[in-house]
């Protein structure tokens, strides 16, 4: 059963033992094989599951240094003026107050509107009260002129269990009324819902039919996966897509903005299974569930700046670049994982878990790495949310002969609760630091990821079109980069500009001053090869570089340009 958010925060000792005391479903028998097909990419790396519900708290908690390596995709944060008191804590995590930190680490935010109320389940007052609160929340967001990272209004949370039908009428009618109240003030920010507590075909069918008839369909469809078993996720997504089609509804973006039960959220092996299924299923955003305390990214960070065992799984995820490649588990209930291939550096990353004993990772399609490869295997434990893990354990570093473009790596003595990281590279090694960053791997705001055979890694970002002096519609791309030393770097930008005239965008990094980048015209949209270069002064470690058509404190770009990549040398 899901633990109500209104209950008292558990003592630290009791919480730290949760993973050990609450059994997971039995793992499959040892001897399973996970197959990774590097020659079958299916989407750009966007770190879809690197998100959290109430992941941030005011005053920069947890520290930026713990978040930047994770490439945080998105967050669900409470409404402006939050009243919600989860687990007996004071209200916190106000979406507008944490927005500066979310922006510093490249994350977008959903605003959860009913968190204006103090209790969970929410206690309905009246329609006059609710609509007045909606008006106040939306105006507060629109008046926050430096906040550009809001990517959706979540109109309600878990209405299948928290909506007071007897006092407020049917949720379907309430959704339409609330939707129209938001749209009367904010015509552009996506609307997210219905955010039901678990996947329910009949409930969604009724909701979607009503919303379609009223013209109030959500821009992002959302439900939660909290049942303690990720094996049904693929079936849920397939069923939703079939339902959508049967109702004549165009495909919606999917967000799972709460995932993993209390017995799973701090178990890296289980989380590997969730992430794998979200990636394969085409989910755009997924957020770790909030069960305990603010300001820890849901148990990934202890003492504000120290990583837990599960943090390392997300760090390995954050290290991925290029394109996600196909992984095929033997079943949906045991060994599973997710993988990427960065063809620029010629490096394959595979993160896996959820199985015990001796198992095998079979990696195919790696002929481009040479006749032999260096394989590093690491693990990270399920040590709970209050135990710092300073580094993963390196199990082995070996050289494997590549036969017919593939290798098979035996992984002995696996623990079902631990996660594992397999890094495959040419025996000659890879560059000492990542130099090329694909635009489609970056944080993209009010623009679109697109594909082209001429683009680096096959993808780019286009439709970076908005510069309206309206902070809620500005278009920009944020690159989270990691460099070895503080110095001046040459930044080369791959681009296309078919306007017939020079276009411009703004360039800023780490929240500093703006300069202008000029893009001479090129032959056609979506056709790449042209580059421009400029200099950037970066600090050692992580930096956030923004290229913008529009952004706060920037006069605005001219014309239009598409972005393929940036390269730092």
Protein backbone atom coordinates (compact mmCIF):
# COMPACT_ATOMS: atom_id res chain seq x y z
CA UNK A 1 0.00 0.00 0.00
CA UNK A 2 1.15 3.49 -0.69
CA UNK A 3 2.24 5.33 2.44
CA UNK A 4 0.11 8.47 2.97
CA UNK A 5 2.13 11.66 2.81
CA UNK A 6 0.41 13.04 5.87
CA UNK A 7 1.96 10.53 8.28
CA UNK A 8 4.82 11.28 10.63
CA UNK A 9 8.36 11.12 9.25
CA UNK A 10 9.93 7.79 10.26
CA UNK A 11 13.02 7.80 12.46
CA UNK A 12 16.24 7.62 10.48
CA UNK A 13 17.05 4.08 11.61
CA UNK A 14 13.67 2.71 10.63
CA UNK A 15 13.85 4.33 7.22
CA UNK A 16 17.35 3.07 6.52
CA UNK A 17 16.20 -0.50 7.13
CA UNK A 18 13.15 -0.30 4.85
CA UNK A 19 14.84 -1.90 1.85
CA UNK A 20 16.09 -4.80 3.95
CA UNK A 21 12.89 -5.47 5.83
CA UNK A 22 10.32 -5.13 3.03
CA UNK A 23 10.90 -7.96 0.55
CA UNK A 24 10.92 -7.37 -3.16
CA UNK A 25 9.19 -9.86 -5.43
CA UNK A 26 11.39 -12.92 -5.99
CA UNK A 27 14.07 -12.56 -8.63
CA UNK A 28 14.20 -14.92 -11.56
CA UNK A 29 16.43 -17.96 -11.33
CA UNK A 30 20.11 -17.23 -11.90
CA UNK A 31 21.47 -17.61 -15.40
CA UNK A 32 19.47 -14.88 -17.17
CA UNK A 33 20.84 -12.98 -20.18
CA UNK A 34 20.34 -9.32 -21.03
CA UNK A 35 20.96 -8.63 -24.73
CA UNK A 36 22.19 -5.19 -25.81
CA UNK A 37 22.10 -4.30 -29.51
CA UNK A 38 24.40 -1.33 -30.03
CA UNK A 39 23.51 -1.29 -33.75
CA UNK A 40 19.86 -0.61 -32.90
CA UNK A 41 19.53 2.89 -31.41
CA UNK A 42 15.97 4.02 -30.75
CA UNK A 43 16.06 7.50 -29.18
CA UNK A 44 18.54 10.19 -28.10
CA UNK A 45 19.89 10.12 -24.57
CA UNK A 46 17.72 12.52 -22.57
CA UNK A 47 17.91 10.92 -19.10
CA UNK A 48 14.12 10.61 -18.99
CA UNK A 49 13.98 8.93 -15.56
CA UNK A 50 16.45 11.30 -13.86
CA UNK A 51 13.74 13.30 -12.17
CA UNK A 52 12.09 13.62 -8.80
CA UNK A 53 8.88 14.55 -7.02
CA UNK A 54 9.72 17.30 -4.51
CA UNK A 55 13.39 16.64 -5.32
CA UNK A 56 14.57 20.13 -4.34
CA UNK A 57 14.10 22.24 -1.24
CA UNK A 58 14.72 25.95 -0.75
CA UNK A 59 18.21 27.24 -0.01
CA UNK A 60 19.94 25.03 -2.55
CA UNK A 61 19.20 21.61 -1.08
CA UNK A 62 20.72 19.26 -2.08
CA UNK A 63 23.93 20.88 -3.33
CA UNK A 64 24.26 21.62 -7.04
CA UNK A 65 27.40 19.49 -7.08
CA UNK A 66 25.29 16.40 -6.37
CA UNK A 67 22.73 17.20 -9.06
CA UNK A 68 24.81 18.26 -12.07
CA UNK A 69 26.37 14.81 -12.64
CA UNK A 70 22.88 13.27 -12.79
CA UNK A 71 21.70 15.44 -15.73
CA UNK A 72 18.36 15.96 -13.98
CA UNK A 73 15.66 15.86 -16.65
CA UNK A 74 12.69 17.36 -14.79
CA UNK A 75 10.97 17.74 -11.44
CA UNK A 76 7.49 17.96 -9.98
CA UNK A 77 7.48 20.68 -7.31
CA UNK A 78 4.68 22.14 -5.14
CA UNK A 79 2.67 25.17 -6.16
CA UNK A 80 3.71 28.73 -5.38
CA UNK A 81 2.63 29.43 -1.81
CA UNK A 82 2.79 25.71 -1.00
CA UNK A 83 0.74 24.57 1.98
CA UNK A 84 1.39 20.82 1.68
CA UNK A 85 3.04 19.26 4.76
CA UNK A 86 4.32 15.90 3.54
CA UNK A 87 5.24 13.39 6.24
CA UNK A 88 4.71 15.99 8.94
CA UNK A 89 7.34 18.37 7.57
CA UNK A 90 6.78 22.12 7.20
CA UNK A 91 5.72 23.24 3.71
CA UNK A 92 8.67 23.43 1.33
CA UNK A 93 9.92 23.03 -2.20
CA UNK A 94 7.91 25.97 -3.61
CA UNK A 95 8.33 25.67 -7.38
CA UNK A 96 9.16 29.33 -7.91
CA UNK A 97 11.63 29.48 -5.00
CA UNK A 98 13.58 26.43 -6.17
CA UNK A 99 13.45 27.47 -9.83
CA UNK A 100 16.88 29.17 -9.78
CA UNK A 101 18.54 25.95 -8.62
CA UNK A 102 16.54 23.82 -11.04
CA UNK A 103 17.68 26.15 -13.82
CA UNK A 104 21.32 25.92 -12.68
CA UNK A 105 21.22 22.14 -13.17
CA UNK A 106 19.20 22.17 -16.40
CA UNK A 107 15.90 20.80 -15.06
CA UNK A 108 12.35 21.66 -16.05
CA UNK A 109 9.49 21.78 -13.52
CA UNK A 110 5.89 20.65 -13.36
CA UNK A 111 3.92 22.71 -10.83
CA UNK A 112 1.57 20.53 -8.75
CA UNK A 113 -1.36 22.85 -8.11
CA UNK A 114 -3.33 21.08 -5.32
CA UNK A 115 -0.25 21.26 -3.09
CA UNK A 116 -1.48 24.74 -2.23
CA UNK A 117 -3.58 22.80 0.34
CA UNK A 118 -1.90 21.62 3.57
CA UNK A 119 -3.24 18.07 3.82
CA UNK A 120 -2.94 14.83 1.94
CA UNK A 121 -5.41 13.55 0.91
CA UNK A 122 -6.42 17.07 -0.07
CA UNK A 123 -9.38 18.56 1.79
CA UNK A 124 -11.80 20.26 -0.59
CA UNK A 125 -13.16 23.64 0.52
CA UNK A 126 -15.29 25.04 -2.31
CA UNK A 127 -15.15 25.97 -5.97
CA UNK A 128 -14.81 29.63 -5.09
CA UNK A 129 -11.83 28.79 -2.90
CA UNK A 130 -10.17 26.54 -5.49
CA UNK A 131 -10.61 28.88 -8.44
CA UNK A 132 -9.29 31.80 -6.40
CA UNK A 133 -6.23 29.71 -5.56
CA UNK A 134 -5.78 28.74 -9.23
CA UNK A 135 -5.88 32.42 -10.17
CA UNK A 136 -3.31 33.29 -7.47
CA UNK A 137 -0.95 30.48 -8.46
CA UNK A 138 -1.00 31.23 -12.18
CA UNK A 139 -0.53 34.95 -11.66
CA UNK A 140 2.39 34.28 -9.30
CA UNK A 141 4.06 32.18 -11.98
CA UNK A 142 3.43 34.75 -14.73
CA UNK A 143 4.83 37.51 -12.53
CA UNK A 144 8.03 35.55 -11.87
CA UNK A 145 9.77 37.08 -14.87
CA UNK A 146 13.11 35.33 -14.37
CA UNK A 147 11.60 31.83 -14.21
CA UNK A 148 11.72 30.10 -17.59
CA UNK A 149 11.87 26.40 -16.69
CA UNK A 150 8.19 25.69 -15.94
CA UNK A 151 7.14 22.95 -18.38
CA UNK A 152 3.66 22.14 -17.14
CA UNK A 153 0.73 22.77 -14.82
CA UNK A 154 -0.33 19.58 -13.02
CA UNK A 155 -3.98 20.38 -12.34
CA UNK A 156 -4.59 17.74 -9.68
CA UNK A 157 -2.83 14.78 -8.09
CA UNK A 158 -4.24 11.25 -7.77
CA UNK A 159 -7.86 12.24 -8.35
CA UNK A 160 -8.83 8.56 -8.26
CA UNK A 161 -8.28 8.78 -4.50
CA UNK A 162 -8.19 12.46 -3.55
CA UNK A 163 -11.03 14.14 -5.47
CA UNK A 164 -14.12 14.87 -3.34
CA UNK A 165 -16.89 13.99 -5.78
CA UNK A 166 -19.70 14.54 -3.29
CA UNK A 167 -18.59 18.14 -2.63
CA UNK A 168 -16.96 19.15 -5.91
CA UNK A 169 -18.89 17.13 -8.49
CA UNK A 170 -17.31 14.71 -10.97
CA UNK A 171 -13.58 14.98 -11.58
CA UNK A 172 -14.07 15.06 -15.35
CA UNK A 173 -16.18 18.20 -15.01
CA UNK A 174 -13.78 19.60 -12.41
CA UNK A 175 -10.83 18.99 -14.75
CA UNK A 176 -12.50 20.95 -17.54
CA UNK A 177 -13.40 23.81 -15.23
CA UNK A 178 -9.84 24.02 -13.84
CA UNK A 179 -8.26 23.65 -17.28
CA UNK A 180 -10.27 26.59 -18.59
CA UNK A 181 -9.40 28.70 -15.55
CA UNK A 182 -5.69 28.14 -16.17
CA UNK A 183 -5.96 28.73 -19.91
CA UNK A 184 -7.83 32.00 -19.35
CA UNK A 185 -4.60 33.37 -17.87
CA UNK A 186 -1.83 31.21 -19.38
CA UNK A 187 -2.41 30.13 -22.97
CA UNK A 188 0.92 28.40 -23.58
CA UNK A 189 2.27 26.36 -20.65
CA UNK A 190 1.50 22.65 -21.16
CA UNK A 191 -1.15 21.08 -18.96
CA UNK A 192 -0.40 17.74 -17.29
CA UNK A 193 -2.77 15.05 -16.05
CA UNK A 194 -4.79 13.27 -14.88
CA UNK A 195 -1.96 11.95 -12.62
CA UNK A 196 -3.90 8.94 -11.36
CA UNK A 197 -2.25 6.80 -8.66
CA UNK A 198 -1.94 3.72 -10.88
CA UNK A 199 -2.66 2.78 -14.48
CA UNK A 200 -6.42 2.23 -14.93
CA UNK A 201 -7.77 1.66 -18.44
CA UNK A 202 -11.45 2.31 -17.73
CA UNK A 203 -10.74 5.40 -15.63
CA UNK A 204 -8.54 6.86 -18.38
CA UNK A 205 -11.04 5.99 -21.08
CA UNK A 206 -13.77 7.95 -19.29
CA UNK A 207 -11.45 10.87 -18.60
CA UNK A 208 -10.05 11.12 -22.13
CA UNK A 209 -13.47 10.85 -23.74
CA UNK A 210 -14.77 13.67 -21.56
CA UNK A 211 -11.72 15.86 -22.09
CA UNK A 212 -11.78 15.33 -25.84
CA UNK A 213 -15.45 16.33 -26.02
CA UNK A 214 -14.75 19.45 -23.93
CA UNK A 215 -11.58 20.42 -25.81
CA UNK A 216 -9.51 20.10 -22.62
CA UNK A 217 -7.16 17.19 -23.34
CA UNK A 218 -3.90 17.37 -21.39
CA UNK A 219 -0.75 18.14 -23.36
CA UNK A 220 1.14 15.58 -21.25
CA UNK A 221 -0.59 12.40 -20.07
CA UNK A 222 0.46 11.31 -16.60
CA UNK A 223 -0.04 8.39 -14.25
CA UNK A 224 1.99 6.87 -11.39
CA UNK A 225 3.84 3.56 -11.17
CA UNK A 226 3.95 2.86 -7.43
CA UNK A 227 2.71 -0.70 -7.22
CA UNK A 228 6.02 -2.29 -6.27
CA UNK A 229 6.36 -4.17 -9.55
CA UNK A 230 7.71 -2.52 -12.72
CA UNK A 231 6.97 -5.56 -14.87
CA UNK A 232 3.61 -4.13 -15.98
CA UNK A 233 4.96 -0.81 -17.28
CA UNK A 234 5.40 -1.93 -20.89
CA UNK A 235 1.85 -3.30 -20.98
CA UNK A 236 0.47 -0.09 -19.47
CA UNK A 237 2.16 2.08 -22.09
CA UNK A 238 1.02 -0.18 -24.93
CA UNK A 239 -2.53 -0.19 -23.60
CA UNK A 240 -2.54 3.59 -23.28
CA UNK A 241 -1.33 4.06 -26.85
CA UNK A 242 -4.05 1.71 -28.10
CA UNK A 243 -6.67 3.59 -26.04
CA UNK A 244 -5.49 6.91 -27.41
CA UNK A 245 -5.75 5.60 -30.96
CA UNK A 246 -9.19 4.09 -30.41
CA UNK A 247 -10.49 7.45 -29.22
CA UNK A 248 -8.98 9.35 -32.16
CA UNK A 249 -6.60 11.30 -29.93
CA UNK A 250 -3.21 12.36 -31.27
CA UNK A 251 -0.26 10.91 -29.31
CA UNK A 252 0.42 12.69 -26.04
CA UNK A 253 3.78 12.92 -24.33
CA UNK A 254 3.89 10.53 -21.36
CA UNK A 255 5.12 11.45 -17.88
CA UNK A 256 5.30 9.07 -14.92
CA UNK A 257 5.85 11.70 -12.27
CA UNK A 258 5.94 9.27 -9.35
CA UNK A 259 7.67 5.90 -9.59
CA UNK A 260 8.94 3.18 -7.23
CA UNK A 261 7.42 1.95 -3.98
CA UNK A 262 8.96 2.53 -0.54
CA UNK A 263 10.66 -0.89 -0.70
CA UNK A 264 12.21 -0.06 -4.09
CA UNK A 265 13.13 3.61 -4.27
CA UNK A 266 16.47 3.11 -2.52
CA UNK A 267 17.28 -0.22 -4.20
CA UNK A 268 19.54 0.40 -7.22
CA UNK A 269 18.88 -3.01 -8.81
CA UNK A 270 15.15 -2.42 -8.84
CA UNK A 271 15.51 1.14 -10.11
CA UNK A 272 17.56 -0.16 -13.06
CA UNK A 273 14.50 -2.18 -14.08
CA UNK A 274 12.22 0.88 -13.86
CA UNK A 275 14.54 3.08 -15.92
CA UNK A 276 14.95 0.39 -18.60
CA UNK A 277 11.20 0.09 -19.04
CA UNK A 278 10.62 3.85 -19.18
CA UNK A 279 13.32 4.26 -21.82
CA UNK A 280 12.06 1.41 -23.99
CA UNK A 281 8.46 2.54 -23.60
CA UNK A 282 9.10 6.05 -24.92
CA UNK A 283 8.26 7.86 -21.68
CA UNK A 284 9.46 11.47 -21.83
CA UNK A 285 9.76 12.21 -18.10
CA UNK A 286 9.75 10.05 -14.96
CA UNK A 287 10.20 11.21 -11.37
CA UNK A 288 11.34 9.29 -8.30
CA UNK A 289 8.52 9.09 -5.77
CA UNK A 290 8.64 11.19 -2.60
CA UNK A 291 8.24 9.07 0.52
CA UNK A 292 10.31 10.73 3.23
CA UNK A 293 12.09 14.11 3.34
CA UNK A 294 12.65 17.25 1.28
CA UNK A 295 15.97 18.31 -0.15
CA UNK A 296 17.57 14.92 -0.83
CA UNK A 297 16.45 14.25 -4.40
CA UNK A 298 14.31 11.52 -2.83
CA UNK A 299 17.09 9.76 -0.99
CA UNK A 300 19.90 10.12 -3.51
CA UNK A 301 21.86 12.55 -1.30
CA UNK A 302 22.65 12.43 2.43
CA UNK A 303 23.97 15.36 4.48
CA UNK A 304 23.19 17.66 1.53
CA UNK A 305 26.28 16.69 -0.45
CA UNK A 306 27.14 13.00 -0.08
CA UNK A 307 25.96 10.35 -2.55
CA UNK A 308 24.07 7.23 -1.50
CA UNK A 309 24.36 3.90 -3.29
CA UNK A 310 21.43 4.70 -5.57
CA UNK A 311 23.02 8.04 -6.55
CA UNK A 312 25.73 6.12 -8.40
CA UNK A 313 23.16 4.42 -10.64
CA UNK A 314 21.89 7.86 -11.69
CA UNK A 315 25.47 9.09 -12.08
CA UNK A 316 26.11 6.25 -14.55
CA UNK A 317 22.86 7.25 -16.28
CA UNK A 318 24.05 10.88 -16.36
CA UNK A 319 27.32 9.77 -17.97
CA UNK A 320 25.43 8.38 -20.95
CA UNK A 321 25.57 10.36 -24.20
CA UNK A 322 24.69 9.82 -27.84
CA UNK A 323 21.77 7.47 -28.35
CA UNK A 324 19.95 4.91 -26.24
CA UNK A 325 20.29 1.45 -27.76
CA UNK A 326 17.98 -1.54 -27.56
CA UNK A 327 18.09 -3.83 -24.55
CA UNK A 328 16.12 -7.07 -24.46
CA UNK A 329 15.58 -8.87 -21.15
CA UNK A 330 14.63 -12.53 -20.96
CA UNK A 331 11.54 -11.57 -18.95
CA UNK A 332 9.94 -8.39 -17.61
CA UNK A 333 10.39 -9.50 -13.98
CA UNK A 334 14.10 -10.27 -13.61
CA UNK A 335 17.40 -9.06 -15.03
CA UNK A 336 16.94 -5.81 -16.95
CA UNK A 337 18.90 -2.72 -17.91
CA UNK A 338 19.38 0.23 -20.22
CA UNK A 339 22.27 1.17 -22.50
CA UNK A 340 23.71 3.92 -24.69
CA UNK A 341 26.29 4.31 -27.43
CA UNK A 342 28.26 7.48 -28.04
CA UNK A 343 29.73 7.01 -31.51
CA UNK A 344 31.91 10.12 -31.18
CA UNK A 345 33.88 8.65 -28.29
CA UNK A 346 33.14 5.03 -29.25
CA UNK A 347 31.93 4.14 -25.78
CA UNK A 348 29.08 1.83 -24.72
CA UNK A 349 27.46 2.15 -21.28
CA UNK A 350 25.16 -0.54 -19.87
CA UNK A 351 23.44 -0.21 -16.48
CA UNK A 352 21.59 -3.26 -15.20
CA UNK A 353 20.35 -5.16 -12.16
CA UNK A 354 17.33 -6.77 -10.48
CA UNK A 355 18.80 -10.28 -10.49
CA UNK A 356 20.96 -12.51 -8.28
CA UNK A 357 23.54 -15.16 -9.03
CA UNK A 358 25.63 -15.43 -12.18
CA UNK A 359 24.12 -13.77 -15.23
CA UNK A 360 25.23 -12.64 -18.67
CA UNK A 361 25.22 -9.36 -20.60
CA UNK A 362 25.48 -10.05 -24.32
CA UNK A 363 26.50 -6.98 -26.31
CA UNK A 364 26.13 -7.04 -30.10
CA UNK A 365 26.81 -4.52 -32.89
CA UNK A 366 30.17 -3.29 -31.54
CA UNK A 367 32.35 -3.99 -34.58
CA UNK A 368 33.22 -0.29 -34.84
CA UNK A 369 35.11 -0.52 -31.53
CA UNK A 370 37.75 -2.84 -32.99
CA UNK A 371 38.77 -6.49 -32.73
CA UNK A 372 39.14 -6.28 -28.97
CA UNK A 373 37.67 -4.03 -26.30
CA UNK A 374 38.33 -2.97 -22.73
CA UNK A 375 35.46 -3.81 -20.40
CA UNK A 376 35.06 -2.30 -16.92
CA UNK A 377 32.45 -3.70 -14.53
CA UNK A 378 31.29 -1.76 -11.44
CA UNK A 379 28.61 -2.19 -8.80
CA UNK A 380 26.77 -0.02 -6.30
CA UNK A 381 24.92 -1.38 -3.24
CA UNK A 382 21.50 -0.86 -1.67
CA UNK A 383 22.83 0.70 1.53
CA UNK A 384 19.78 2.88 2.17
CA UNK A 385 19.13 6.59 2.12
CA UNK A 386 21.25 7.52 5.15
CA UNK A 387 24.51 5.78 4.27
CA UNK A 388 27.03 7.61 2.11
CA UNK A 389 28.74 5.59 -0.63
CA UNK A 390 31.83 7.51 -1.66
CA UNK A 391 32.48 5.50 -4.84
CA UNK A 392 31.17 2.47 -6.70
CA UNK A 393 33.07 -0.81 -6.45
CA UNK A 394 35.16 -1.78 -9.47
CA UNK A 395 34.70 -5.53 -9.87
CA UNK A 396 36.94 -6.07 -12.88
CA UNK A 397 38.70 -4.50 -15.84
CA UNK A 398 39.29 -6.97 -18.69
CA UNK A 399 40.06 -7.19 -22.38
CA UNK A 400 37.58 -9.11 -24.53
CA UNK A 401 38.02 -10.33 -28.09
CA UNK A 402 35.16 -9.18 -30.34
CA UNK A 403 33.71 -12.01 -32.42
CA UNK A 404 31.18 -11.25 -35.16
CA UNK A 405 30.72 -7.82 -33.62
CA UNK A 406 29.77 -9.05 -30.16
CA UNK A 407 30.97 -10.06 -26.71
CA UNK A 408 29.33 -11.84 -23.78
CA UNK A 409 30.21 -10.72 -20.28
CA UNK A 410 29.52 -13.09 -17.39
CA UNK A 411 28.68 -11.27 -14.16
CA UNK A 412 29.12 -13.56 -11.15
CA UNK A 413 27.69 -13.27 -7.66
CA UNK A 414 25.15 -10.60 -8.49
CA UNK A 415 22.89 -9.23 -5.77
CA UNK A 416 19.33 -8.49 -6.88
CA UNK A 417 19.38 -5.25 -4.88
CA UNK A 418 22.65 -3.87 -6.35
CA UNK A 419 23.04 -2.15 -9.71
CA UNK A 420 25.90 -2.77 -12.14
CA UNK A 421 27.65 -0.63 -14.73
CA UNK A 422 29.39 -2.07 -17.78
CA UNK A 423 31.62 0.33 -19.75
CA UNK A 424 32.94 -0.90 -23.10
CA UNK A 425 35.54 1.05 -25.09
CA UNK A 426 38.35 0.41 -27.58
CA UNK A 427 41.55 -0.95 -26.04
CA UNK A 428 43.23 2.27 -27.19
CA UNK A 429 40.93 4.18 -24.82
CA UNK A 430 38.66 7.18 -25.29
CA UNK A 431 39.33 10.94 -25.00
CA UNK A 432 40.18 12.05 -21.49
CA UNK A 433 36.99 14.09 -21.30
CA UNK A 434 33.80 14.34 -23.32
CA UNK A 435 34.29 17.07 -25.91
CA UNK A 436 31.17 16.83 -28.07
CA UNK A 437 27.71 17.42 -26.61
CA UNK A 438 24.72 16.68 -28.81
CA UNK A 439 21.95 19.27 -28.76
CA UNK A 440 19.32 16.53 -28.62
CA UNK A 441 20.97 15.19 -25.42
CA UNK A 442 20.73 18.62 -23.78
CA UNK A 443 17.88 20.25 -21.82
CA UNK A 444 15.49 21.60 -24.47
CA UNK A 445 12.92 24.27 -23.62
CA UNK A 446 10.14 25.24 -26.06
CA UNK A 447 11.99 23.78 -29.03
CA UNK A 448 11.95 20.32 -30.60
CA UNK A 449 14.25 17.33 -30.96
CA UNK A 450 14.35 16.23 -34.59
CA UNK A 451 16.25 13.71 -36.73
CA UNK A 452 18.49 14.03 -39.78
CA UNK A 453 20.91 11.64 -41.43
CA UNK A 454 23.44 14.47 -41.78
CA UNK A 455 23.33 15.41 -38.09
CA UNK A 456 25.90 14.21 -35.59
CA UNK A 457 24.43 11.10 -33.88
CA UNK A 458 21.41 11.49 -36.18
CA UNK A 459 19.65 14.15 -34.14
CA UNK A 460 19.41 17.91 -33.63
CA UNK A 461 17.24 20.58 -32.05
CA UNK A 462 15.10 22.82 -34.24
CA UNK A 463 12.18 25.23 -33.88
CA UNK A 464 14.13 27.34 -31.41
CA UNK A 465 11.80 30.07 -32.50
CA UNK A 466 10.43 31.98 -29.53
CA UNK A 467 11.60 35.39 -28.43
CA UNK A 468 8.48 37.20 -27.35
CA UNK A 469 9.71 38.95 -24.22
CA UNK A 470 7.47 36.47 -22.42
CA UNK A 471 9.49 34.30 -20.06
CA UNK A 472 7.00 31.43 -20.31
CA UNK A 473 7.54 31.01 -24.07
CA UNK A 474 11.25 31.75 -24.65
CA UNK A 475 13.19 29.04 -26.52
CA UNK A 476 16.62 27.87 -25.43
CA UNK A 477 18.89 24.84 -25.04
CA UNK A 478 20.99 24.20 -21.90
CA UNK A 479 24.09 22.01 -22.20
CA UNK A 480 25.47 20.52 -18.97
CA UNK A 481 29.18 20.01 -19.69
CA UNK A 482 32.11 18.73 -17.65
CA UNK A 483 35.65 19.95 -18.34
CA UNK A 484 38.93 18.96 -16.65
CA UNK A 485 40.46 22.37 -15.90
CA UNK A 486 39.48 26.01 -15.53
CA UNK A 487 40.53 27.81 -18.71
CA UNK A 488 39.34 29.24 -22.01
CA UNK A 489 37.89 26.65 -24.36
CA UNK A 490 37.09 26.96 -28.03
CA UNK A 491 33.41 26.11 -28.47
CA UNK A 492 32.49 24.94 -31.95
CA UNK A 493 28.76 24.86 -32.78
CA UNK A 494 27.31 22.68 -35.52
CA UNK A 495 24.23 24.37 -36.97
CA UNK A 496 21.91 24.97 -39.92
CA UNK A 497 20.32 28.27 -40.99
CA UNK A 498 18.28 28.32 -44.19
CA UNK A 499 16.83 31.82 -43.76
CA UNK A 500 19.17 33.27 -46.40
CA UNK A 501 20.57 35.78 -43.90
CA UNK A 502 22.74 35.69 -40.79
CA UNK A 503 20.85 34.61 -37.67
CA UNK A 504 21.85 35.19 -34.04
CA UNK A 505 21.36 33.54 -30.67
CA UNK A 506 22.41 34.51 -27.18
CA UNK A 507 25.20 32.64 -25.39
CA UNK A 508 25.64 32.59 -21.61
CA UNK A 509 27.17 30.11 -19.20
CA UNK A 510 26.79 29.54 -15.47
CA UNK A 511 24.30 32.41 -15.30
CA UNK A 512 26.85 34.97 -16.51
CA UNK A 513 26.73 37.80 -19.03
CA UNK A 514 25.27 37.37 -22.50
CA UNK A 515 27.19 37.49 -25.76
CA UNK A 516 25.88 36.92 -29.27
CA UNK A 517 26.63 34.03 -31.63
CA UNK A 518 26.14 34.68 -35.36
CA UNK A 519 25.18 31.92 -37.79
CA UNK A 520 25.82 32.61 -41.51
CA UNK A 521 23.23 31.12 -43.87
CA UNK A 522 23.47 27.48 -44.97
CA UNK A 523 21.87 25.54 -47.82
CA UNK A 524 18.87 23.93 -46.13
CA UNK A 525 17.11 23.18 -42.86
CA UNK A 526 18.08 19.88 -41.30
CA UNK A 527 21.27 19.67 -43.38
CA UNK A 528 24.40 19.91 -41.28
CA UNK A 529 28.11 20.37 -41.71
CA UNK A 530 28.50 24.10 -41.14
CA UNK A 531 30.13 25.31 -37.92
CA UNK A 532 30.95 28.53 -36.10
CA UNK A 533 33.36 28.94 -33.19
CA UNK A 534 33.63 31.17 -30.16
CA UNK A 535 35.49 31.17 -26.84
CA UNK A 536 34.08 30.34 -23.41
CA UNK A 537 35.79 30.67 -20.02
CA UNK A 538 34.72 27.63 -18.01
CA UNK A 539 35.36 26.50 -14.47
CA UNK A 540 36.81 23.08 -13.73
CA UNK A 541 34.07 20.47 -13.48
CA UNK A 542 30.45 21.07 -14.40
CA UNK A 543 29.16 24.12 -16.28
CA UNK A 544 25.81 24.95 -17.87
CA UNK A 545 25.97 26.61 -21.29
CA UNK A 546 22.81 28.20 -22.72
CA UNK A 547 22.13 28.99 -26.38
CA UNK A 548 18.92 30.98 -26.63
CA UNK A 549 16.57 32.67 -29.03
CA UNK A 550 14.97 34.24 -25.96
CA UNK A 551 15.87 34.27 -22.27
CA UNK A 552 15.70 36.64 -19.28
CA UNK A 553 18.14 39.57 -19.47
CA UNK A 554 18.85 38.87 -23.15
CA UNK A 555 17.60 41.26 -25.83
CA UNK A 556 16.74 38.33 -28.09
CA UNK A 557 18.08 36.54 -31.14
CA UNK A 558 17.34 37.31 -34.77
CA UNK A 559 16.34 34.95 -37.54
CA UNK A 560 16.44 31.21 -36.90
CA UNK A 561 19.09 28.54 -36.44
CA UNK A 562 19.01 24.80 -35.70
CA UNK A 563 21.58 23.25 -33.36
CA UNK A 564 23.41 19.99 -34.01
CA UNK A 565 26.07 19.97 -31.27
CA UNK A 566 28.66 21.94 -29.36
CA UNK A 567 32.28 20.82 -29.06
CA UNK A 568 34.75 22.05 -26.46
CA UNK A 569 38.49 21.93 -27.20
